Amino acid sequence: MLDCWMSQDVNYATKLAHACAPYNLKWIEECLPPQQYEGYRELKRQAPAGMMVTSGEHHGTLQSFRTLSETGIDIMQPDVGWCGGLTTLVEIAAIAKARGQLVVPHGSSVLLTSCGDHLHQHAVQRVSDDQSGLRHATPAVRPRSCSASRCRREGAFINRSWINPALASSSIATAT
């Protein structure tokens, strides 16, 4: 898994995915800003065979997950603390299941950190129908500072204003 945390555009993410393909990377995560639905559709179309495209940790409404699902990504990653709780998480799972997509809940929310890993495990077991072994994986819960002054909902998305993702310079960025 390679978590890109909204730091790329479609061109860079596609080049990165192809550069990582020889290493059998399972999925490339959250490459683009959340509102770039057409970008996710294009990234999925151009991704190497066998590499999954994931997004969702910065989506905050059921409608945003419906729209995200329509892009054809492989895995939706709602954050139970931001998407509306376990009830909404189950609704998101139903949307994903109808399209043959997987759900792997994002694991760094304040709610999950305060409630413990058992809540996350329960959520994964309840919403995932994964045949590839992801269902039994133990996700890492990583506490992350996100105070009200640093993290806020803007429409259907979560904005972490203290983050300024920038494109990293590397040979991949200029690869043809």
N, C-alpha and C. Protein backbone atom coordinates (compact mmCIF):
# COMPACT_ATOMS: atom_id res chain seq x y z
N MET A 1 0.84 -1.17 0.00
CA MET A 1 0.00 0.00 0.00
C MET A 1 0.88 1.23 0.00
N LEU A 2 0.51 2.20 -0.80
CA LEU A 2 1.21 3.47 -0.85
C LEU A 2 0.18 4.58 -0.64
N ASP A 3 0.26 5.26 0.49
CA ASP A 3 -0.67 6.34 0.83
C ASP A 3 -0.07 7.66 0.35
N CYS A 4 -0.73 8.29 -0.60
CA CYS A 4 -0.19 9.51 -1.21
C CYS A 4 -0.80 10.78 -0.63
N TRP A 5 -1.79 10.67 0.17
CA TRP A 5 -2.44 11.73 0.95
C TRP A 5 -2.71 13.00 0.16
N MET A 6 -3.44 12.87 -0.93
CA MET A 6 -3.95 13.97 -1.74
C MET A 6 -2.86 14.83 -2.36
N SER A 7 -1.67 14.31 -2.55
CA SER A 7 -0.53 15.14 -2.94
C SER A 7 -0.20 15.13 -4.42
N GLN A 8 -1.04 14.50 -5.24
CA GLN A 8 -0.66 14.32 -6.64
C GLN A 8 -1.76 14.77 -7.59
N ASP A 9 -1.40 14.83 -8.85
CA ASP A 9 -2.39 14.98 -9.90
C ASP A 9 -2.46 13.64 -10.64
N VAL A 10 -3.38 13.52 -11.59
CA VAL A 10 -3.58 12.24 -12.27
C VAL A 10 -2.32 11.78 -12.99
N ASN A 11 -1.65 12.69 -13.66
CA ASN A 11 -0.45 12.33 -14.42
C ASN A 11 0.63 11.76 -13.49
N TYR A 12 0.91 12.45 -12.41
CA TYR A 12 1.94 11.98 -11.48
C TYR A 12 1.53 10.65 -10.84
N ALA A 13 0.28 10.56 -10.39
CA ALA A 13 -0.19 9.33 -9.74
C ALA A 13 -0.11 8.14 -10.69
N THR A 14 -0.43 8.35 -11.96
CA THR A 14 -0.34 7.28 -12.95
C THR A 14 1.10 6.83 -13.13
N LYS A 15 2.01 7.78 -13.25
CA LYS A 15 3.43 7.44 -13.39
C LYS A 15 3.94 6.71 -12.15
N LEU A 16 3.54 7.17 -10.97
CA LEU A 16 3.96 6.53 -9.73
C LEU A 16 3.43 5.10 -9.66
N ALA A 17 2.17 4.91 -10.01
CA ALA A 17 1.57 3.57 -9.99
C ALA A 17 2.33 2.62 -10.92
N HIS A 18 2.65 3.08 -12.11
CA HIS A 18 3.39 2.23 -13.05
C HIS A 18 4.82 1.97 -12.57
N ALA A 19 5.43 2.96 -11.93
CA ALA A 19 6.79 2.76 -11.40
C ALA A 19 6.79 1.74 -10.25
N CYS A 20 5.70 1.66 -9.51
CA CYS A 20 5.60 0.72 -8.38
C CYS A 20 5.10 -0.66 -8.78
N ALA A 21 4.54 -0.78 -9.96
CA ALA A 21 3.95 -2.05 -10.41
C ALA A 21 4.90 -3.24 -10.32
N PRO A 22 6.18 -3.11 -10.67
CA PRO A 22 7.08 -4.27 -10.58
C PRO A 22 7.25 -4.81 -9.15
N TYR A 23 6.86 -4.00 -8.16
CA TYR A 23 7.02 -4.41 -6.77
C TYR A 23 5.73 -5.00 -6.19
N ASN A 24 4.76 -5.27 -7.07
CA ASN A 24 3.48 -5.89 -6.69
C ASN A 24 2.75 -5.12 -5.60
N LEU A 25 2.73 -3.81 -5.73
CA LEU A 25 2.00 -2.96 -4.80
C LEU A 25 0.52 -3.32 -4.86
N LYS A 26 -0.10 -3.58 -3.71
CA LYS A 26 -1.50 -3.99 -3.66
C LYS A 26 -2.45 -2.84 -4.02
N TRP A 27 -2.21 -1.65 -3.43
CA TRP A 27 -3.06 -0.52 -3.78
C TRP A 27 -2.32 0.80 -3.61
N ILE A 28 -2.84 1.81 -4.33
CA ILE A 28 -2.35 3.17 -4.23
C ILE A 28 -3.51 4.00 -3.67
N GLU A 29 -3.24 4.72 -2.60
CA GLU A 29 -4.31 5.30 -1.79
C GLU A 29 -4.30 6.83 -1.80
N GLU A 30 -5.50 7.38 -1.93
CA GLU A 30 -5.76 8.81 -1.71
C GLU A 30 -4.77 9.70 -2.46
N CYS A 31 -4.58 9.42 -3.75
CA CYS A 31 -3.61 10.18 -4.55
C CYS A 31 -4.04 11.61 -4.81
N LEU A 32 -5.33 11.79 -5.04
CA LEU A 32 -5.85 13.07 -5.49
C LEU A 32 -6.70 13.72 -4.40
N PRO A 33 -6.93 15.03 -4.49
CA PRO A 33 -7.88 15.66 -3.58
C PRO A 33 -9.25 15.00 -3.73
N PRO A 34 -10.05 14.99 -2.67
CA PRO A 34 -11.29 14.20 -2.67
C PRO A 34 -12.31 14.62 -3.72
N GLN A 35 -12.37 15.89 -4.07
CA GLN A 35 -13.39 16.34 -5.02
C GLN A 35 -13.04 16.05 -6.47
N GLN A 36 -11.90 15.47 -6.74
CA GLN A 36 -11.49 15.20 -8.13
C GLN A 36 -12.00 13.84 -8.60
N TYR A 37 -13.31 13.72 -8.68
CA TYR A 37 -13.93 12.45 -9.06
C TYR A 37 -13.50 11.99 -10.45
N GLU A 38 -13.49 12.90 -11.40
CA GLU A 38 -13.07 12.51 -12.76
C GLU A 38 -11.61 12.09 -12.78
N GLY A 39 -10.81 12.70 -11.94
CA GLY A 39 -9.41 12.30 -11.82
C GLY A 39 -9.28 10.87 -11.31
N TYR A 40 -10.11 10.50 -10.33
CA TYR A 40 -10.08 9.12 -9.83
C TYR A 40 -10.55 8.14 -10.89
N ARG A 41 -11.54 8.55 -11.66
CA ARG A 41 -12.01 7.68 -12.77
C ARG A 41 -10.87 7.45 -13.77
N GLU A 42 -10.15 8.51 -14.11
CA GLU A 42 -9.04 8.40 -15.06
C GLU A 42 -7.88 7.60 -14.47
N LEU A 43 -7.56 7.83 -13.20
CA LEU A 43 -6.48 7.07 -12.56
C LEU A 43 -6.81 5.59 -12.55
N LYS A 44 -8.04 5.23 -12.24
CA LYS A 44 -8.44 3.83 -12.24
C LYS A 44 -8.29 3.24 -13.64
N ARG A 45 -8.67 4.01 -14.65
CA ARG A 45 -8.56 3.54 -16.04
C ARG A 45 -7.11 3.30 -16.44
N GLN A 46 -6.20 4.14 -15.96
CA GLN A 46 -4.80 4.06 -16.36
C GLN A 46 -3.92 3.25 -15.42
N ALA A 47 -4.42 2.85 -14.27
CA ALA A 47 -3.61 2.12 -13.29
C ALA A 47 -3.17 0.77 -13.87
N PRO A 48 -2.02 0.28 -13.44
CA PRO A 48 -1.56 -1.02 -13.91
C PRO A 48 -2.54 -2.13 -13.51
N ALA A 49 -2.64 -3.15 -14.33
CA ALA A 49 -3.50 -4.29 -14.02
C ALA A 49 -3.11 -4.87 -12.67
N GLY A 50 -4.09 -5.15 -11.86
CA GLY A 50 -3.84 -5.77 -10.56
C GLY A 50 -3.59 -4.79 -9.43
N MET A 51 -3.39 -3.52 -9.73
CA MET A 51 -3.18 -2.52 -8.67
C MET A 51 -4.50 -1.81 -8.40
N MET A 52 -4.93 -1.83 -7.15
CA MET A 52 -6.19 -1.20 -6.78
C MET A 52 -5.99 0.28 -6.48
N VAL A 53 -7.03 1.06 -6.76
CA VAL A 53 -7.06 2.49 -6.48
C VAL A 53 -8.05 2.71 -5.35
N THR A 54 -7.65 3.47 -4.33
CA THR A 54 -8.50 3.69 -3.16
C THR A 54 -8.63 5.17 -2.84
N SER A 55 -9.74 5.50 -2.18
CA SER A 55 -9.97 6.86 -1.70
C SER A 55 -11.13 6.83 -0.72
N GLY A 56 -11.33 7.93 -0.03
CA GLY A 56 -12.50 8.06 0.83
C GLY A 56 -12.26 8.63 2.20
N GLU A 57 -11.02 8.62 2.68
CA GLU A 57 -10.81 9.06 4.05
C GLU A 57 -11.14 10.53 4.26
N HIS A 58 -11.17 11.33 3.20
CA HIS A 58 -11.50 12.75 3.33
C HIS A 58 -12.89 13.07 2.81
N HIS A 59 -13.71 12.07 2.58
CA HIS A 59 -15.10 12.29 2.21
C HIS A 59 -15.94 12.26 3.48
N GLY A 60 -16.94 13.14 3.54
CA GLY A 60 -17.69 13.26 4.79
C GLY A 60 -19.18 13.09 4.69
N THR A 61 -19.73 12.78 3.51
CA THR A 61 -21.18 12.59 3.40
C THR A 61 -21.47 11.33 2.59
N LEU A 62 -22.66 10.81 2.80
CA LEU A 62 -23.08 9.63 2.05
C LEU A 62 -23.10 9.92 0.55
N GLN A 63 -23.57 11.11 0.16
CA GLN A 63 -23.62 11.46 -1.26
C GLN A 63 -22.22 11.51 -1.87
N SER A 64 -21.24 12.00 -1.12
CA SER A 64 -19.88 12.03 -1.68
C SER A 64 -19.36 10.62 -1.92
N PHE A 65 -19.77 9.65 -1.08
CA PHE A 65 -19.36 8.26 -1.31
C PHE A 65 -20.12 7.64 -2.49
N ARG A 66 -21.36 8.04 -2.70
CA ARG A 66 -22.08 7.57 -3.90
C ARG A 66 -21.34 8.03 -5.16
N THR A 67 -20.98 9.30 -5.17
CA THR A 67 -20.27 9.85 -6.33
C THR A 67 -18.90 9.19 -6.49
N LEU A 68 -18.19 9.00 -5.39
CA LEU A 68 -16.89 8.34 -5.43
C LEU A 68 -17.02 6.92 -5.97
N SER A 69 -18.05 6.21 -5.55
CA SER A 69 -18.26 4.84 -6.01
C SER A 69 -18.44 4.79 -7.53
N GLU A 70 -19.08 5.80 -8.08
CA GLU A 70 -19.31 5.85 -9.52
C GLU A 70 -18.02 5.99 -10.33
N THR A 71 -16.93 6.38 -9.69
CA THR A 71 -15.66 6.51 -10.42
C THR A 71 -15.05 5.16 -10.76
N GLY A 72 -15.50 4.11 -10.08
CA GLY A 72 -14.98 2.78 -10.35
C GLY A 72 -13.75 2.40 -9.54
N ILE A 73 -13.39 3.21 -8.54
CA ILE A 73 -12.23 2.84 -7.72
C ILE A 73 -12.49 1.47 -7.08
N ASP A 74 -11.44 0.85 -6.61
CA ASP A 74 -11.56 -0.51 -6.08
C ASP A 74 -11.95 -0.57 -4.61
N ILE A 75 -11.44 0.36 -3.82
CA ILE A 75 -11.68 0.34 -2.37
C ILE A 75 -12.11 1.72 -1.91
N MET A 76 -13.21 1.76 -1.16
CA MET A 76 -13.62 3.00 -0.50
C MET A 76 -13.17 2.92 0.95
N GLN A 77 -12.64 4.03 1.46
CA GLN A 77 -12.07 4.06 2.80
C GLN A 77 -12.71 5.14 3.67
N PRO A 78 -13.95 4.95 4.07
CA PRO A 78 -14.57 5.96 4.93
C PRO A 78 -13.92 5.97 6.31
N ASP A 79 -13.84 7.15 6.89
CA ASP A 79 -13.36 7.28 8.26
C ASP A 79 -14.61 7.36 9.13
N VAL A 80 -14.80 6.39 10.00
CA VAL A 80 -16.01 6.28 10.79
C VAL A 80 -16.25 7.52 11.64
N GLY A 81 -15.22 8.22 12.02
CA GLY A 81 -15.36 9.43 12.82
C GLY A 81 -15.76 10.65 12.02
N TRP A 82 -15.64 10.59 10.69
CA TRP A 82 -15.94 11.74 9.84
C TRP A 82 -17.12 11.51 8.91
N CYS A 83 -17.46 10.27 8.65
CA CYS A 83 -18.49 9.99 7.64
C CYS A 83 -19.90 9.94 8.23
N GLY A 84 -20.02 9.96 9.55
CA GLY A 84 -21.34 9.91 10.16
C GLY A 84 -21.52 8.73 11.09
N GLY A 85 -20.48 8.01 11.40
CA GLY A 85 -20.56 6.91 12.36
C GLY A 85 -20.74 5.55 11.69
N LEU A 86 -20.96 4.54 12.54
CA LEU A 86 -21.06 3.17 12.05
C LEU A 86 -22.28 2.96 11.15
N THR A 87 -23.39 3.63 11.45
CA THR A 87 -24.58 3.47 10.61
C THR A 87 -24.29 3.92 9.19
N THR A 88 -23.67 5.08 9.04
CA THR A 88 -23.32 5.56 7.70
C THR A 88 -22.28 4.66 7.07
N LEU A 89 -21.35 4.16 7.86
CA LEU A 89 -20.34 3.24 7.34
C LEU A 89 -20.99 2.00 6.72
N VAL A 90 -22.01 1.48 7.37
CA VAL A 90 -22.73 0.32 6.84
C VAL A 90 -23.46 0.70 5.54
N GLU A 91 -24.02 1.90 5.47
CA GLU A 91 -24.67 2.36 4.24
C GLU A 91 -23.65 2.51 3.11
N ILE A 92 -22.49 3.02 3.43
CA ILE A 92 -21.42 3.14 2.43
C ILE A 92 -21.01 1.76 1.93
N ALA A 93 -20.94 0.81 2.85
CA ALA A 93 -20.59 -0.56 2.47
C ALA A 93 -21.61 -1.15 1.50
N ALA A 94 -22.88 -0.83 1.70
CA ALA A 94 -23.91 -1.32 0.79
C ALA A 94 -23.73 -0.72 -0.61
N ILE A 95 -23.39 0.56 -0.67
CA ILE A 95 -23.12 1.21 -1.96
C ILE A 95 -21.95 0.51 -2.65
N ALA A 96 -20.89 0.28 -1.90
CA ALA A 96 -19.70 -0.38 -2.46
C ALA A 96 -20.01 -1.79 -2.92
N LYS A 97 -20.72 -2.53 -2.10
CA LYS A 97 -21.03 -3.93 -2.44
C LYS A 97 -21.83 -4.01 -3.73
N ALA A 98 -22.76 -3.08 -3.93
CA ALA A 98 -23.58 -3.07 -5.14
C ALA A 98 -22.73 -2.88 -6.40
N ARG A 99 -21.57 -2.27 -6.27
CA ARG A 99 -20.68 -2.04 -7.41
C ARG A 99 -19.48 -2.98 -7.41
N GLY A 100 -19.44 -3.92 -6.49
CA GLY A 100 -18.32 -4.86 -6.43
C GLY A 100 -17.05 -4.25 -5.87
N GLN A 101 -17.19 -3.19 -5.09
CA GLN A 101 -16.03 -2.53 -4.49
C GLN A 101 -15.85 -3.00 -3.05
N LEU A 102 -14.64 -2.87 -2.56
CA LEU A 102 -14.33 -3.22 -1.18
C LEU A 102 -14.44 -1.99 -0.30
N VAL A 103 -14.59 -2.22 1.00
CA VAL A 103 -14.56 -1.15 2.00
C VAL A 103 -13.49 -1.52 3.02
N VAL A 104 -12.54 -0.63 3.20
CA VAL A 104 -11.52 -0.77 4.23
C VAL A 104 -11.55 0.53 5.02
N PRO A 105 -12.22 0.55 6.17
CA PRO A 105 -12.34 1.81 6.91
C PRO A 105 -10.98 2.42 7.23
N HIS A 106 -10.93 3.73 7.07
CA HIS A 106 -9.73 4.47 7.42
C HIS A 106 -9.56 4.43 8.94
N GLY A 107 -8.33 4.33 9.42
CA GLY A 107 -8.13 4.08 10.83
C GLY A 107 -7.44 5.13 11.65
N SER A 108 -7.53 6.41 11.30
CA SER A 108 -6.80 7.38 12.12
C SER A 108 -7.69 8.43 12.76
N SER A 109 -8.98 8.20 12.79
CA SER A 109 -9.87 9.22 13.33
C SER A 109 -9.77 9.32 14.84
N VAL A 110 -10.16 10.45 15.35
CA VAL A 110 -10.16 10.68 16.79
C VAL A 110 -11.10 9.69 17.47
N LEU A 111 -12.26 9.41 16.86
CA LEU A 111 -13.20 8.47 17.45
C LEU A 111 -12.58 7.10 17.61
N LEU A 112 -11.93 6.60 16.57
CA LEU A 112 -11.32 5.28 16.66
C LEU A 112 -10.19 5.25 17.67
N THR A 113 -9.44 6.32 17.74
CA THR A 113 -8.34 6.38 18.69
C THR A 113 -8.87 6.33 20.11
N SER A 114 -9.95 7.02 20.37
CA SER A 114 -10.48 7.05 21.73
C SER A 114 -11.22 5.78 22.10
N CYS A 115 -11.80 5.10 21.13
CA CYS A 115 -12.58 3.89 21.43
C CYS A 115 -11.76 2.62 21.37
N GLY A 116 -10.63 2.68 20.73
CA GLY A 116 -9.78 1.51 20.70
C GLY A 116 -9.89 0.72 19.41
N ASP A 117 -8.95 -0.16 19.23
CA ASP A 117 -8.85 -0.96 18.01
C ASP A 117 -10.02 -1.91 17.85
N HIS A 118 -10.65 -2.33 18.94
CA HIS A 118 -11.76 -3.30 18.83
C HIS A 118 -12.92 -2.74 18.03
N LEU A 119 -13.20 -1.44 18.11
CA LEU A 119 -14.28 -0.84 17.34
C LEU A 119 -13.97 -0.92 15.85
N HIS A 120 -12.73 -0.63 15.50
CA HIS A 120 -12.32 -0.71 14.10
C HIS A 120 -12.46 -2.14 13.59
N GLN A 121 -12.00 -3.10 14.37
CA GLN A 121 -12.10 -4.49 13.96
C GLN A 121 -13.56 -4.89 13.76
N HIS A 122 -14.43 -4.44 14.65
CA HIS A 122 -15.85 -4.75 14.50
C HIS A 122 -16.38 -4.15 13.20
N ALA A 123 -16.01 -2.91 12.92
CA ALA A 123 -16.49 -2.26 11.70
C ALA A 123 -16.00 -2.99 10.46
N VAL A 124 -14.75 -3.40 10.43
CA VAL A 124 -14.21 -4.12 9.27
C VAL A 124 -14.94 -5.43 9.08
N GLN A 125 -15.15 -6.18 10.16
CA GLN A 125 -15.80 -7.48 10.05
C GLN A 125 -17.26 -7.33 9.64
N ARG A 126 -17.88 -6.25 10.02
CA ARG A 126 -19.29 -6.07 9.71
C ARG A 126 -19.52 -5.57 8.28
N VAL A 127 -18.60 -4.82 7.70
CA VAL A 127 -18.88 -4.21 6.41
C VAL A 127 -18.08 -4.79 5.26
N SER A 128 -17.07 -5.56 5.54
CA SER A 128 -16.22 -6.05 4.46
C SER A 128 -16.63 -7.45 4.03
N ASP A 129 -16.69 -7.65 2.74
CA ASP A 129 -16.92 -8.97 2.19
C ASP A 129 -15.76 -9.25 1.25
N ASP A 130 -14.58 -9.17 1.78
CA ASP A 130 -13.36 -9.20 0.99
C ASP A 130 -12.84 -10.62 0.83
N GLN A 131 -12.59 -11.00 -0.39
CA GLN A 131 -12.08 -12.34 -0.68
C GLN A 131 -10.56 -12.37 -0.78
N SER A 132 -9.90 -11.22 -0.65
CA SER A 132 -8.45 -11.17 -0.88
C SER A 132 -7.62 -11.20 0.39
N GLY A 133 -8.25 -11.39 1.55
CA GLY A 133 -7.48 -11.46 2.78
C GLY A 133 -7.44 -10.16 3.56
N LEU A 134 -7.96 -9.07 2.99
CA LEU A 134 -7.92 -7.79 3.70
C LEU A 134 -8.83 -7.78 4.92
N ARG A 135 -9.88 -8.58 4.89
CA ARG A 135 -10.84 -8.59 5.98
C ARG A 135 -10.18 -8.97 7.30
N HIS A 136 -9.20 -9.82 7.26
CA HIS A 136 -8.59 -10.32 8.48
C HIS A 136 -7.34 -9.54 8.87
N ALA A 137 -7.00 -8.53 8.10
CA ALA A 137 -5.84 -7.71 8.43
C ALA A 137 -6.13 -6.88 9.67
N THR A 138 -5.15 -6.68 10.51
CA THR A 138 -5.31 -5.84 11.68
C THR A 138 -4.84 -4.44 11.33
N PRO A 139 -5.77 -3.50 11.19
CA PRO A 139 -5.37 -2.15 10.82
C PRO A 139 -4.66 -1.45 11.97
N ALA A 140 -3.73 -0.60 11.64
CA ALA A 140 -3.04 0.19 12.66
C ALA A 140 -3.86 1.43 12.96
N VAL A 141 -4.07 1.69 14.22
CA VAL A 141 -4.73 2.93 14.62
C VAL A 141 -3.63 3.90 14.99
N ARG A 142 -3.57 4.98 14.24
CA ARG A 142 -2.50 5.95 14.46
C ARG A 142 -3.12 7.26 14.93
N PRO A 143 -2.93 7.60 16.20
CA PRO A 143 -3.48 8.88 16.66
C PRO A 143 -2.90 10.03 15.85
N ARG A 144 -3.73 10.99 15.56
CA ARG A 144 -3.29 12.15 14.79
C ARG A 144 -3.99 13.37 15.37
N SER A 145 -3.25 14.40 15.59
CA SER A 145 -3.82 15.63 16.13
C SER A 145 -4.74 16.25 15.09
N CYS A 146 -5.96 16.55 15.49
CA CYS A 146 -6.91 17.16 14.57
C CYS A 146 -7.88 17.98 15.40
N SER A 147 -7.45 19.10 15.93
CA SER A 147 -8.32 19.94 16.75
C SER A 147 -9.28 20.70 15.86
N ALA A 148 -10.30 21.27 16.47
CA ALA A 148 -11.31 22.00 15.71
C ALA A 148 -10.69 23.14 14.90
N SER A 149 -9.63 23.72 15.40
CA SER A 149 -9.00 24.82 14.68
C SER A 149 -8.15 24.33 13.50
N ARG A 150 -7.85 23.04 13.46
CA ARG A 150 -6.98 22.52 12.41
C ARG A 150 -7.73 21.63 11.42
N CYS A 151 -8.90 21.18 11.75
CA CYS A 151 -9.60 20.22 10.92
C CYS A 151 -11.08 20.59 10.90
N ARG A 152 -11.64 20.81 9.72
CA ARG A 152 -13.05 21.20 9.67
C ARG A 152 -13.72 20.61 8.43
N ARG A 153 -15.01 20.45 8.52
CA ARG A 153 -15.80 19.97 7.39
C ARG A 153 -16.09 21.15 6.47
N GLU A 154 -15.88 20.95 5.19
CA GLU A 154 -16.25 21.93 4.17
C GLU A 154 -17.12 21.22 3.16
N GLY A 155 -18.41 21.37 3.29
CA GLY A 155 -19.32 20.66 2.42
C GLY A 155 -19.22 19.17 2.65
N ALA A 156 -18.90 18.43 1.61
CA ALA A 156 -18.83 16.97 1.71
C ALA A 156 -17.45 16.46 2.05
N PHE A 157 -16.51 17.37 2.34
CA PHE A 157 -15.12 16.95 2.53
C PHE A 157 -14.57 17.43 3.86
N ILE A 158 -13.52 16.77 4.31
CA ILE A 158 -12.80 17.17 5.51
C ILE A 158 -11.59 17.98 5.06
N ASN A 159 -11.44 19.17 5.60
CA ASN A 159 -10.31 20.03 5.24
C ASN A 159 -9.33 20.09 6.39
N ARG A 160 -8.13 19.67 6.15
CA ARG A 160 -7.06 19.81 7.14
C ARG A 160 -6.21 20.99 6.68
N SER A 161 -6.59 22.18 7.11
CA SER A 161 -5.97 23.40 6.60
C SER A 161 -4.49 23.50 6.92
N TRP A 162 -4.04 22.77 7.89
CA TRP A 162 -2.63 22.83 8.27
C TRP A 162 -1.76 21.98 7.36
N ILE A 163 -2.35 21.25 6.43
CA ILE A 163 -1.60 20.42 5.49
C ILE A 163 -1.52 21.16 4.16
N ASN A 164 -0.36 21.23 3.62
CA ASN A 164 -0.17 21.83 2.31
C ASN A 164 0.57 20.82 1.44
N PRO A 165 -0.14 19.82 0.89
CA PRO A 165 0.55 18.79 0.12
C PRO A 165 1.21 19.39 -1.12
N ALA A 166 2.40 18.96 -1.38
CA ALA A 166 3.12 19.44 -2.56
C ALA A 166 3.66 18.25 -3.33
N LEU A 167 3.75 18.42 -4.61
CA LEU A 167 4.30 17.36 -5.44
C LEU A 167 5.77 17.18 -5.14
N ALA A 168 6.14 15.98 -4.79
CA ALA A 168 7.56 15.71 -4.51
C ALA A 168 8.31 15.64 -5.83
N SER A 169 9.50 16.15 -5.85
CA SER A 169 10.29 16.07 -7.08
C SER A 169 11.05 14.75 -7.08
N SER A 170 10.96 14.06 -8.17
CA SER A 170 11.67 12.80 -8.31
C SER A 170 11.75 12.46 -9.79
N SER A 171 12.46 11.39 -10.08
CA SER A 171 12.57 10.97 -11.47
C SER A 171 11.22 10.49 -12.00
N ILE A 172 10.33 10.06 -11.11
CA ILE A 172 9.01 9.60 -11.55
C ILE A 172 8.22 10.76 -12.14
N ALA A 173 8.37 11.96 -11.55
CA ALA A 173 7.62 13.12 -12.01
C ALA A 173 7.94 13.48 -13.45
N THR A 174 9.12 13.15 -13.90
CA THR A 174 9.51 13.50 -15.26
C THR A 174 9.58 12.29 -16.18
N ALA A 175 9.20 11.12 -15.67
CA ALA A 175 9.25 9.91 -16.48
C ALA A 175 8.24 10.01 -17.62
N THR A 176 8.54 9.34 -18.71
CA THR A 176 7.61 9.37 -19.84
C THR A 176 6.94 8.03 -19.98
